[in-house]
Amino acid sequence: MDNSIESFREKLDQEYNWPSLYTFKFIVPVDNISALKKIFQNHTVTEKKSRNGNYVSITAEVMAQSSDYIINVYLEANKVEGVISL
């Protein structure tokens, strides 16, 4: 596995006691918002459009069971064209 992913997993496990509430934040082009929101189907998602309306910031709070879950969400989100993880 990629060293950066393993390092991120270690940091998550040091910082959080699972299960734990985790906040995801992304910026995505308006045209691709539905693809990103599918990842968070069963969770509350907050949206805010950019000033020009070309992008949307997405915030989702999730009760995560493990660092593996967090990493899998980021890997899925990175498949969405134009997404920026914050």
PDB file of N, CA and C in Angstrom:
ATOM      1  N   MET A   1       0.845  -1.185   0.000  1.00  0.00           N
ATOM      2  CA  MET A   1       0.000   0.000   0.000  1.00  0.00           C
ATOM      3  C   MET A   1       0.885   1.241   0.000  1.00  0.00           C
ATOM      4  N   ASP A   2       0.373   2.303  -0.544  1.00  0.00           N
ATOM      5  CA  ASP A   2       1.068   3.581  -0.639  1.00  0.00           C
ATOM      6  C   ASP A   2       1.455   4.073   0.759  1.00  0.00           C
ATOM      7  N   ASN A   3       2.697   4.542   0.893  1.00  0.00           N
ATOM      8  CA  ASN A   3       3.179   5.023   2.198  1.00  0.00           C
ATOM      9  C   ASN A   3       2.376   6.200   2.719  1.00  0.00           C
ATOM     10  N   SER A   4       1.904   7.077   1.824  1.00  0.00           N
ATOM     11  CA  SER A   4       1.130   8.231   2.287  1.00  0.00           C
ATOM     12  C   SER A   4      -0.212   7.792   2.865  1.00  0.00           C
ATOM     13  N   ILE A   5      -0.809   6.764   2.287  1.00  0.00           N
ATOM     14  CA  ILE A   5      -2.073   6.243   2.823  1.00  0.00           C
ATOM     15  C   ILE A   5      -1.835   5.596   4.178  1.00  0.00           C
ATOM     16  N   GLU A   6      -0.765   4.834   4.282  1.00  0.00           N
ATOM     17  CA  GLU A   6      -0.452   4.180   5.554  1.00  0.00           C
ATOM     18  C   GLU A   6      -0.146   5.219   6.632  1.00  0.00           C
ATOM     19  N   SER A   7       0.549   6.270   6.268  1.00  0.00           N
ATOM     20  CA  SER A   7       0.849   7.352   7.210  1.00  0.00           C
ATOM     21  C   SER A   7      -0.431   8.042   7.664  1.00  0.00           C
ATOM     22  N   PHE A   8      -1.343   8.288   6.726  1.00  0.00           N
ATOM     23  CA  PHE A   8      -2.626   8.903   7.059  1.00  0.00           C
ATOM     24  C   PHE A   8      -3.418   8.004   8.002  1.00  0.00           C
ATOM     25  N   ARG A   9      -3.421   6.693   7.743  1.00  0.00           N
ATOM     26  CA  ARG A   9      -4.120   5.736   8.610  1.00  0.00           C
ATOM     27  C   ARG A   9      -3.570   5.811  10.032  1.00  0.00           C
ATOM     28  N   GLU A  10      -2.256   5.843  10.158  1.00  0.00           N
ATOM     29  CA  GLU A  10      -1.628   5.910  11.480  1.00  0.00           C
ATOM     30  C   GLU A  10      -2.023   7.191  12.215  1.00  0.00           C
ATOM     31  N   LYS A  11      -2.039   8.313  11.492  1.00  0.00           N
ATOM     32  CA  LYS A  11      -2.425   9.584  12.113  1.00  0.00           C
ATOM     33  C   LYS A  11      -3.882   9.563  12.559  1.00  0.00           C
ATOM     34  N   LEU A  12      -4.745   8.997  11.725  1.00  0.00           N
ATOM     35  CA  LEU A  12      -6.155   8.884  12.108  1.00  0.00           C
ATOM     36  C   LEU A  12      -6.305   8.040  13.367  1.00  0.00           C
ATOM     37  N   ASP A  13      -5.609   6.908  13.408  1.00  0.00           N
ATOM     38  CA  ASP A  13      -5.722   6.011  14.561  1.00  0.00           C
ATOM     39  C   ASP A  13      -5.151   6.626  15.833  1.00  0.00           C
ATOM     40  N   GLN A  14      -4.186   7.512  15.698  1.00  0.00           N
ATOM     41  CA  GLN A  14      -3.638   8.204  16.865  1.00  0.00           C
ATOM     42  C   GLN A  14      -4.588   9.286  17.368  1.00  0.00           C
ATOM     43  N   GLU A  15      -5.277   9.936  16.440  1.00  0.00           N
ATOM     44  CA  GLU A  15      -6.123  11.085  16.770  1.00  0.00           C
ATOM     45  C   GLU A  15      -7.530  10.698  17.231  1.00  0.00           C
ATOM     46  N   TYR A  16      -8.067   9.607  16.691  1.00  0.00           N
ATOM     47  CA  TYR A  16      -9.464   9.244  16.933  1.00  0.00           C
ATOM     48  C   TYR A  16      -9.576   7.924  17.677  1.00  0.00           C
ATOM     49  N   ASN A  17     -10.641   7.819  18.473  1.00  0.00           N
ATOM     50  CA  ASN A  17     -11.038   6.561  19.101  1.00  0.00           C
ATOM     51  C   ASN A  17     -12.287   6.095  18.371  1.00  0.00           C
ATOM     52  N   TRP A  18     -12.192   4.973  17.680  1.00  0.00           N
ATOM     53  CA  TRP A  18     -13.299   4.494  16.832  1.00  0.00           C
ATOM     54  C   TRP A  18     -14.340   3.761  17.646  1.00  0.00           C
ATOM     55  N   PRO A  19     -15.615   3.928  17.308  1.00  0.00           N
ATOM     56  CA  PRO A  19     -16.185   4.811  16.287  1.00  0.00           C
ATOM     57  C   PRO A  19     -16.103   6.271  16.722  1.00  0.00           C
ATOM     58  N   SER A  20     -16.038   7.148  15.721  1.00  0.00           N
ATOM     59  CA  SER A  20     -15.889   8.573  15.991  1.00  0.00           C
ATOM     60  C   SER A  20     -16.527   9.396  14.878  1.00  0.00           C
ATOM     61  N   LEU A  21     -16.984  10.589  15.237  1.00  0.00           N
ATOM     62  CA  LEU A  21     -17.544  11.505  14.255  1.00  0.00           C
ATOM     63  C   LEU A  21     -16.398  12.109  13.447  1.00  0.00           C
ATOM     64  N   TYR A  22     -16.518  12.057  12.127  1.00  0.00           N
ATOM     65  CA  TYR A  22     -15.483  12.577  11.237  1.00  0.00           C
ATOM     66  C   TYR A  22     -16.134  13.503  10.221  1.00  0.00           C
ATOM     67  N   THR A  23     -15.514  14.640   9.977  1.00  0.00           N
ATOM     68  CA  THR A  23     -16.046  15.614   9.025  1.00  0.00           C
ATOM     69  C   THR A  23     -15.237  15.573   7.737  1.00  0.00           C
ATOM     70  N   PHE A  24     -15.924  15.293   6.645  1.00  0.00           N
ATOM     71  CA  PHE A  24     -15.325  15.318   5.309  1.00  0.00           C
ATOM     72  C   PHE A  24     -15.646  16.656   4.671  1.00  0.00           C
ATOM     73  N   LYS A  25     -14.669  17.222   3.955  1.00  0.00           N
ATOM     74  CA  LYS A  25     -14.901  18.465   3.214  1.00  0.00           C
ATOM     75  C   LYS A  25     -14.278  18.323   1.832  1.00  0.00           C
ATOM     76  N   PHE A  26     -15.065  18.705   0.835  1.00  0.00           N
ATOM     77  CA  PHE A  26     -14.621  18.623  -0.551  1.00  0.00           C
ATOM     78  C   PHE A  26     -15.089  19.852  -1.307  1.00  0.00           C
ATOM     79  N   ILE A  27     -14.398  20.150  -2.393  1.00  0.00           N
ATOM     80  CA  ILE A  27     -14.859  21.116  -3.384  1.00  0.00           C
ATOM     81  C   ILE A  27     -14.974  20.339  -4.683  1.00  0.00           C
ATOM     82  N   VAL A  28     -16.087  20.544  -5.375  1.00  0.00           N
ATOM     83  CA  VAL A  28     -16.345  19.781  -6.599  1.00  0.00           C
ATOM     84  C   VAL A  28     -17.021  20.685  -7.624  1.00  0.00           C
ATOM     85  N   PRO A  29     -16.723  20.493  -8.918  1.00  0.00           N
ATOM     86  CA  PRO A  29     -17.454  21.243  -9.940  1.00  0.00           C
ATOM     87  C   PRO A  29     -18.951  20.923  -9.859  1.00  0.00           C
ATOM     88  N   VAL A  30     -19.776  21.912 -10.121  1.00  0.00           N
ATOM     89  CA  VAL A  30     -21.232  21.750 -10.023  1.00  0.00           C
ATOM     90  C   VAL A  30     -21.716  20.549 -10.833  1.00  0.00           C
ATOM     91  N   ASP A  31     -21.130  20.327 -11.999  1.00  0.00           N
ATOM     92  CA  ASP A  31     -21.565  19.228 -12.866  1.00  0.00           C
ATOM     93  C   ASP A  31     -21.338  17.849 -12.256  1.00  0.00           C
ATOM     94  N   ASN A  32     -20.461  17.737 -11.273  1.00  0.00           N
ATOM     95  CA  ASN A  32     -20.110  16.433 -10.701  1.00  0.00           C
ATOM     96  C   ASN A  32     -20.596  16.250  -9.266  1.00  0.00           C
ATOM     97  N   ILE A  33     -21.446  17.137  -8.806  1.00  0.00           N
ATOM     98  CA  ILE A  33     -21.888  17.084  -7.409  1.00  0.00           C
ATOM     99  C   ILE A  33     -22.659  15.803  -7.093  1.00  0.00           C
ATOM    100  N   SER A  34     -23.475  15.327  -8.008  1.00  0.00           N
ATOM    101  CA  SER A  34     -24.280  14.130  -7.723  1.00  0.00           C
ATOM    102  C   SER A  34     -23.399  12.908  -7.519  1.00  0.00           C
ATOM    103  N   ALA A  35     -22.305  12.802  -8.263  1.00  0.00           N
ATOM    104  CA  ALA A  35     -21.395  11.668  -8.097  1.00  0.00           C
ATOM    105  C   ALA A  35     -20.769  11.674  -6.705  1.00  0.00           C
ATOM    106  N   LEU A  36     -20.421  12.850  -6.218  1.00  0.00           N
ATOM    107  CA  LEU A  36     -19.828  12.940  -4.880  1.00  0.00           C
ATOM    108  C   LEU A  36     -20.875  12.675  -3.800  1.00  0.00           C
ATOM    109  N   LYS A  37     -22.073  13.202  -3.977  1.00  0.00           N
ATOM    110  CA  LYS A  37     -23.123  13.017  -2.969  1.00  0.00           C
ATOM    111  C   LYS A  37     -23.548  11.556  -2.838  1.00  0.00           C
ATOM    112  N   LYS A  38     -23.382  10.753  -3.891  1.00  0.00           N
ATOM    113  CA  LYS A  38     -23.722   9.325  -3.815  1.00  0.00           C
ATOM    114  C   LYS A  38     -22.905   8.614  -2.743  1.00  0.00           C
ATOM    115  N   ILE A  39     -21.704   9.085  -2.514  1.00  0.00           N
ATOM    116  CA  ILE A  39     -20.837   8.480  -1.497  1.00  0.00           C
ATOM    117  C   ILE A  39     -21.436   8.661  -0.105  1.00  0.00           C
ATOM    118  N   PHE A  40     -22.194   9.739   0.079  1.00  0.00           N
ATOM    119  CA  PHE A  40     -22.752  10.084   1.392  1.00  0.00           C
ATOM    120  C   PHE A  40     -24.270   9.947   1.417  1.00  0.00           C
ATOM    121  N   GLN A  41     -24.814   8.964   0.725  1.00  0.00           N
ATOM    122  CA  GLN A  41     -26.265   8.793   0.593  1.00  0.00           C
ATOM    123  C   GLN A  41     -27.005   8.783   1.922  1.00  0.00           C
ATOM    124  N   ASN A  42     -26.458   8.135   2.909  1.00  0.00           N
ATOM    125  CA  ASN A  42     -27.159   7.961   4.186  1.00  0.00           C
ATOM    126  C   ASN A  42     -26.696   8.940   5.262  1.00  0.00           C
ATOM    127  N   HIS A  43     -26.049  10.021   4.844  1.00  0.00           N
ATOM    128  CA  HIS A  43     -25.502  10.982   5.796  1.00  0.00           C
ATOM    129  C   HIS A  43     -25.957  12.395   5.450  1.00  0.00           C
ATOM    130  N   THR A  44     -25.909  13.252   6.432  1.00  0.00           N
ATOM    131  CA  THR A  44     -26.271  14.647   6.220  1.00  0.00           C
ATOM    132  C   THR A  44     -25.139  15.359   5.489  1.00  0.00           C
ATOM    133  N   VAL A  45     -25.503  16.027   4.398  1.00  0.00           N
ATOM    134  CA  VAL A  45     -24.532  16.743   3.578  1.00  0.00           C
ATOM    135  C   VAL A  45     -24.946  18.211   3.512  1.00  0.00           C
ATOM    136  N   THR A  46     -23.984  19.093   3.726  1.00  0.00           N
ATOM    137  CA  THR A  46     -24.213  20.527   3.596  1.00  0.00           C
ATOM    138  C   THR A  46     -23.502  21.003   2.336  1.00  0.00           C
ATOM    139  N   GLU A  47     -24.199  21.827   1.556  1.00  0.00           N
ATOM    140  CA  GLU A  47     -23.639  22.342   0.308  1.00  0.00           C
ATOM    141  C   GLU A  47     -23.568  23.860   0.352  1.00  0.00           C
ATOM    142  N   LYS A  48     -22.531  24.404  -0.287  1.00  0.00           N
ATOM    143  CA  LYS A  48     -22.433  25.851  -0.443  1.00  0.00           C
ATOM    144  C   LYS A  48     -21.809  26.132  -1.806  1.00  0.00           C
ATOM    145  N   LYS A  49     -22.540  26.861  -2.652  1.00  0.00           N
ATOM    146  CA  LYS A  49     -22.038  27.187  -3.986  1.00  0.00           C
ATOM    147  C   LYS A  49     -20.988  28.287  -3.906  1.00  0.00           C
ATOM    148  N   SER A  50     -20.046  28.227  -4.841  1.00  0.00           N
ATOM    149  CA  SER A  50     -19.031  29.275  -4.938  1.00  0.00           C
ATOM    150  C   SER A  50     -19.664  30.565  -5.442  1.00  0.00           C
ATOM    151  N   ARG A  51     -18.945  31.638  -5.316  1.00  0.00           N
ATOM    152  CA  ARG A  51     -19.456  32.944  -5.717  1.00  0.00           C
ATOM    153  C   ARG A  51     -19.898  32.952  -7.182  1.00  0.00           C
ATOM    154  N   ASN A  52     -19.124  32.320  -8.051  1.00  0.00           N
ATOM    155  CA  ASN A  52     -19.455  32.284  -9.476  1.00  0.00           C
ATOM    156  C   ASN A  52     -20.397  31.141  -9.837  1.00  0.00           C
ATOM    157  N   GLY A  53     -20.648  30.244  -8.886  1.00  0.00           N
ATOM    158  CA  GLY A  53     -21.562  29.135  -9.121  1.00  0.00           C
ATOM    159  C   GLY A  53     -20.975  27.974  -9.896  1.00  0.00           C
ATOM    160  N   ASN A  54     -19.660  27.974 -10.097  1.00  0.00           N
ATOM    161  CA  ASN A  54     -19.018  26.891 -10.841  1.00  0.00           C
ATOM    162  C   ASN A  54     -18.670  25.691  -9.966  1.00  0.00           C
ATOM    163  N   TYR A  55     -18.510  25.923  -8.676  1.00  0.00           N
ATOM    164  CA  TYR A  55     -18.094  24.886  -7.733  1.00  0.00           C
ATOM    165  C   TYR A  55     -19.042  24.862  -6.539  1.00  0.00           C
ATOM    166  N   VAL A  56     -19.022  23.728  -5.856  1.00  0.00           N
ATOM    167  CA  VAL A  56     -19.808  23.566  -4.637  1.00  0.00           C
ATOM    168  C   VAL A  56     -18.898  22.969  -3.575  1.00  0.00           C
ATOM    169  N   SER A  57     -18.948  23.526  -2.371  1.00  0.00           N
ATOM    170  CA  SER A  57     -18.246  22.895  -1.257  1.00  0.00           C
ATOM    171  C   SER A  57     -19.235  21.959  -0.578  1.00  0.00           C
ATOM    172  N   ILE A  58     -18.753  20.783  -0.262  1.00  0.00           N
ATOM    173  CA  ILE A  58     -19.564  19.736   0.362  1.00  0.00           C
ATOM    174  C   ILE A  58     -18.953  19.413   1.719  1.00  0.00           C
ATOM    175  N   THR A  59     -19.771  19.412   2.744  1.00  0.00           N
ATOM    176  CA  THR A  59     -19.351  18.990   4.076  1.00  0.00           C
ATOM    177  C   THR A  59     -20.279  17.870   4.516  1.00  0.00           C
ATOM    178  N   ALA A  60     -19.690  16.779   4.972  1.00  0.00           N
ATOM    179  CA  ALA A  60     -20.481  15.642   5.446  1.00  0.00           C
ATOM    180  C   ALA A  60     -19.908  15.159   6.770  1.00  0.00           C
ATOM    181  N   GLU A  61     -20.775  15.020   7.765  1.00  0.00           N
ATOM    182  CA  GLU A  61     -20.356  14.468   9.054  1.00  0.00           C
ATOM    183  C   GLU A  61     -20.819  13.023   9.116  1.00  0.00           C
ATOM    184  N   VAL A  62     -19.876  12.152   9.418  1.00  0.00           N
ATOM    185  CA  VAL A  62     -20.127  10.717   9.366  1.00  0.00           C
ATOM    186  C   VAL A  62     -19.633  10.079  10.658  1.00  0.00           C
ATOM    187  N   MET A  63     -20.405   9.148  11.205  1.00  0.00           N
ATOM    188  CA  MET A  63     -19.933   8.355  12.330  1.00  0.00           C
ATOM    189  C   MET A  63     -19.130   7.193  11.741  1.00  0.00           C
ATOM    190  N   ALA A  64     -17.817   7.354  11.750  1.00  0.00           N
ATOM    191  CA  ALA A  64     -16.923   6.373  11.129  1.00  0.00           C
ATOM    192  C   ALA A  64     -16.554   5.289  12.131  1.00  0.00           C
ATOM    193  N   GLN A  65     -16.496   4.061  11.635  1.00  0.00           N
ATOM    194  CA  GLN A  65     -16.171   2.925  12.487  1.00  0.00           C
ATOM    195  C   GLN A  65     -14.671   2.645  12.565  1.00  0.00           C
ATOM    196  N   SER A  66     -13.913   3.149  11.560  1.00  0.00           N
ATOM    197  CA  SER A  66     -12.475   2.872  11.533  1.00  0.00           C
ATOM    198  C   SER A  66     -11.767   3.823  10.579  1.00  0.00           C
ATOM    199  N   SER A  67     -10.451   3.837  10.678  1.00  0.00           N
ATOM    200  CA  SER A  67      -9.653   4.633   9.742  1.00  0.00           C
ATOM    201  C   SER A  67      -9.774   4.076   8.329  1.00  0.00           C
ATOM    202  N   ASP A  68      -9.959   2.775   8.194  1.00  0.00           N
ATOM    203  CA  ASP A  68     -10.130   2.172   6.867  1.00  0.00           C
ATOM    204  C   ASP A  68     -11.348   2.746   6.162  1.00  0.00           C
ATOM    205  N   TYR A  69     -12.413   2.978   6.900  1.00  0.00           N
ATOM    206  CA  TYR A  69     -13.613   3.570   6.310  1.00  0.00           C
ATOM    207  C   TYR A  69     -13.301   4.964   5.766  1.00  0.00           C
ATOM    208  N   ILE A  70     -12.604   5.772   6.546  1.00  0.00           N
ATOM    209  CA  ILE A  70     -12.246   7.134   6.142  1.00  0.00           C
ATOM    210  C   ILE A  70     -11.420   7.094   4.855  1.00  0.00           C
ATOM    211  N   ILE A  71     -10.430   6.247   4.834  1.00  0.00           N
ATOM    212  CA  ILE A  71      -9.557   6.136   3.660  1.00  0.00           C
ATOM    213  C   ILE A  71     -10.344   5.687   2.439  1.00  0.00           C
ATOM    214  N   ASN A  72     -11.239   4.730   2.608  1.00  0.00           N
ATOM    215  CA  ASN A  72     -12.052   4.262   1.480  1.00  0.00           C
ATOM    216  C   ASN A  72     -12.940   5.370   0.923  1.00  0.00           C
ATOM    217  N   VAL A  73     -13.478   6.210   1.790  1.00  0.00           N
ATOM    218  CA  VAL A  73     -14.295   7.335   1.319  1.00  0.00           C
ATOM    219  C   VAL A  73     -13.440   8.286   0.484  1.00  0.00           C
ATOM    220  N   TYR A  74     -12.249   8.610   0.968  1.00  0.00           N
ATOM    221  CA  TYR A  74     -11.373   9.496   0.195  1.00  0.00           C
ATOM    222  C   TYR A  74     -10.982   8.871  -1.144  1.00  0.00           C
ATOM    223  N   LEU A  75     -10.716   7.579  -1.163  1.00  0.00           N
ATOM    224  CA  LEU A  75     -10.365   6.914  -2.419  1.00  0.00           C
ATOM    225  C   LEU A  75     -11.529   6.953  -3.402  1.00  0.00           C
ATOM    226  N   GLU A  76     -12.751   6.747  -2.911  1.00  0.00           N
ATOM    227  CA  GLU A  76     -13.932   6.837  -3.776  1.00  0.00           C
ATOM    228  C   GLU A  76     -14.144   8.266  -4.264  1.00  0.00           C
ATOM    229  N   ALA A  77     -13.974   9.226  -3.377  1.00  0.00           N
ATOM    230  CA  ALA A  77     -14.169  10.632  -3.750  1.00  0.00           C
ATOM    231  C   ALA A  77     -13.164  11.062  -4.813  1.00  0.00           C
ATOM    232  N   ASN A  78     -11.953  10.550  -4.733  1.00  0.00           N
ATOM    233  CA  ASN A  78     -10.930  10.925  -5.708  1.00  0.00           C
ATOM    234  C   ASN A  78     -11.230  10.415  -7.109  1.00  0.00           C
ATOM    235  N   LYS A  79     -12.173   9.506  -7.244  1.00  0.00           N
ATOM    236  CA  LYS A  79     -12.594   9.020  -8.559  1.00  0.00           C
ATOM    237  C   LYS A  79     -13.507  10.024  -9.261  1.00  0.00           C
ATOM    238  N   VAL A  80     -14.062  10.956  -8.501  1.00  0.00           N
ATOM    239  CA  VAL A  80     -14.964  11.968  -9.065  1.00  0.00           C
ATOM    240  C   VAL A  80     -14.108  13.036  -9.747  1.00  0.00           C
ATOM    241  N   GLU A  81     -14.394  13.295 -11.001  1.00  0.00           N
ATOM    242  CA  GLU A  81     -13.605  14.246 -11.778  1.00  0.00           C
ATOM    243  C   GLU A  81     -13.670  15.653 -11.179  1.00  0.00           C
ATOM    244  N   GLY A  82     -12.495  16.233 -10.962  1.00  0.00           N
ATOM    245  CA  GLY A  82     -12.404  17.608 -10.495  1.00  0.00           C
ATOM    246  C   GLY A  82     -12.535  17.802  -8.999  1.00  0.00           C
ATOM    247  N   VAL A  83     -12.691  16.734  -8.228  1.00  0.00           N
ATOM    248  CA  VAL A  83     -12.882  16.876  -6.785  1.00  0.00           C
ATOM    249  C   VAL A  83     -11.577  17.300  -6.112  1.00  0.00           C
ATOM    250  N   ILE A  84     -11.711  18.152  -5.110  1.00  0.00           N
ATOM    251  CA  ILE A  84     -10.590  18.576  -4.276  1.00  0.00           C
ATOM    252  C   ILE A  84     -10.944  18.209  -2.843  1.00  0.00           C
ATOM    253  N   SER A  85     -10.094  17.414  -2.208  1.00  0.00           N
ATOM    254  CA  SER A  85     -10.304  17.034  -0.808  1.00  0.00           C
ATOM    255  C   SER A  85      -9.641  18.072   0.079  1.00  0.00           C
ATOM    256  N   LEU A  86     -10.365  18.499   1.107  1.00  0.00           N
ATOM    257  CA  LEU A  86      -9.808  19.487   2.045  1.00  0.00           C
ATOM    258  C   LEU A  86      -9.495  18.840   3.376  1.00  0.00           C
TER     259      LEU A  86
END
